[in-house]
Amino acid sequence: MKNNILKFLSDEHGAVTVDWIVITAAVVGLSAISFTTLENSAFSLMDSAGTAITAEDDF
């Protein structure tokens, strides 16, 4: 029984898969945060541009 437990604990099969899953999750999370930040900035820029265009309306 002890040998089976030690063999299980020393087995490293699948460790690379776990590493890739963690790295992929980090990239997806950072991408989502970046998208949200850029989206908020873009909406702010659109509002500012719309206000400036409305202020310069000659009609």
C-alpha atoms as a PDB file:
ATOM      1  CA  MET A   1       0.000   0.000   0.000  1.00  0.00           C
ATOM      2  CA  LYS A   2       2.813   2.392   0.918  1.00  0.00           C
ATOM      3  CA  ASN A   3       4.586   1.658  -2.368  1.00  0.00           C
ATOM      4  CA  ASN A   4       1.440   2.486  -4.336  1.00  0.00           C
ATOM      5  CA  ILE A   5       1.057   5.817  -2.548  1.00  0.00           C
ATOM      6  CA  LEU A   6       4.709   6.721  -3.102  1.00  0.00           C
ATOM      7  CA  LYS A   7       4.455   5.729  -6.753  1.00  0.00           C
ATOM      8  CA  PHE A   8       1.333   7.880  -7.154  1.00  0.00           C
ATOM      9  CA  LEU A   9       2.974  10.898  -5.507  1.00  0.00           C
ATOM     10  CA  SER A  10       6.105  10.647  -7.643  1.00  0.00           C
ATOM     11  CA  ASP A  11       4.201  10.202 -10.920  1.00  0.00           C
ATOM     12  CA  GLU A  12       4.460  13.347 -13.057  1.00  0.00           C
ATOM     13  CA  HIS A  13       2.290  12.323 -16.003  1.00  0.00           C
ATOM     14  CA  GLY A  14      -0.185  15.089 -16.761  1.00  0.00           C
ATOM     15  CA  ALA A  15       1.859  17.837 -15.089  1.00  0.00           C
ATOM     16  CA  VAL A  16       2.456  19.554 -18.434  1.00  0.00           C
ATOM     17  CA  THR A  17      -1.278  19.502 -19.126  1.00  0.00           C
ATOM     18  CA  VAL A  18      -1.990  21.186 -15.818  1.00  0.00           C
ATOM     19  CA  ASP A  19       0.654  23.825 -16.589  1.00  0.00           C
ATOM     20  CA  TRP A  20      -0.947  24.579 -19.957  1.00  0.00           C
ATOM     21  CA  ILE A  21      -4.402  24.837 -18.407  1.00  0.00           C
ATOM     22  CA  VAL A  22      -3.150  27.313 -15.802  1.00  0.00           C
ATOM     23  CA  ILE A  23      -1.296  29.387 -18.403  1.00  0.00           C
ATOM     24  CA  THR A  24      -4.293  29.388 -20.753  1.00  0.00           C
ATOM     25  CA  ALA A  25      -6.639  30.438 -17.951  1.00  0.00           C
ATOM     26  CA  ALA A  26      -4.282  33.296 -17.051  1.00  0.00           C
ATOM     27  CA  VAL A  27      -4.143  34.496 -20.663  1.00  0.00           C
ATOM     28  CA  VAL A  28      -7.930  34.354 -21.006  1.00  0.00           C
ATOM     29  CA  GLY A  29      -8.390  36.220 -17.714  1.00  0.00           C
ATOM     30  CA  LEU A  30      -5.926  38.950 -18.651  1.00  0.00           C
ATOM     31  CA  SER A  31      -7.536  39.278 -22.074  1.00  0.00           C
ATOM     32  CA  ALA A  32     -10.965  39.752 -20.493  1.00  0.00           C
ATOM     33  CA  ILE A  33      -9.628  42.421 -18.140  1.00  0.00           C
ATOM     34  CA  SER A  34      -7.869  44.199 -21.014  1.00  0.00           C
ATOM     35  CA  PHE A  35     -11.002  44.084 -23.173  1.00  0.00           C
ATOM     36  CA  THR A  36     -13.112  45.588 -20.394  1.00  0.00           C
ATOM     37  CA  THR A  37     -10.618  48.395 -19.817  1.00  0.00           C
ATOM     38  CA  LEU A  38     -10.361  49.203 -23.536  1.00  0.00           C
ATOM     39  CA  GLU A  39     -14.131  49.040 -23.942  1.00  0.00           C
ATOM     40  CA  ASN A  40     -14.701  51.549 -21.136  1.00  0.00           C
ATOM     41  CA  SER A  41     -12.074  53.879 -22.591  1.00  0.00           C
ATOM     42  CA  ALA A  42     -13.615  53.614 -26.061  1.00  0.00           C
ATOM     43  CA  PHE A  43     -17.084  54.472 -24.741  1.00  0.00           C
ATOM     44  CA  SER A  44     -15.658  57.462 -22.916  1.00  0.00           C
ATOM     45  CA  LEU A  45     -13.898  58.626 -26.087  1.00  0.00           C
ATOM     46  CA  MET A  46     -17.098  58.210 -28.127  1.00  0.00           C
ATOM     47  CA  ASP A  47     -19.055  60.266 -25.605  1.00  0.00           C
ATOM     48  CA  SER A  48     -16.442  63.018 -25.680  1.00  0.00           C
ATOM     49  CA  ALA A  49     -16.380  63.049 -29.479  1.00  0.00           C
ATOM     50  CA  GLY A  50     -20.181  63.153 -29.652  1.00  0.00           C
ATOM     51  CA  THR A  51     -20.281  66.058 -27.213  1.00  0.00           C
ATOM     52  CA  ALA A  52     -17.647  67.964 -29.198  1.00  0.00           C
ATOM     53  CA  ILE A  53     -19.472  67.384 -32.489  1.00  0.00           C
ATOM     54  CA  THR A  54     -22.780  68.477 -30.977  1.00  0.00           C
ATOM     55  CA  ALA A  55     -21.168  71.650 -29.593  1.00  0.00           C
ATOM     56  CA  GLU A  56     -19.831  72.517 -33.054  1.00  0.00           C
ATOM     57  CA  ASP A  57     -23.113  71.876 -34.850  1.00  0.00           C
ATOM     58  CA  ASP A  58     -23.885  74.862 -37.134  1.00  0.00           C
ATOM     59  CA  PHE A  59     -27.501  74.039 -37.879  1.00  0.00           C
END
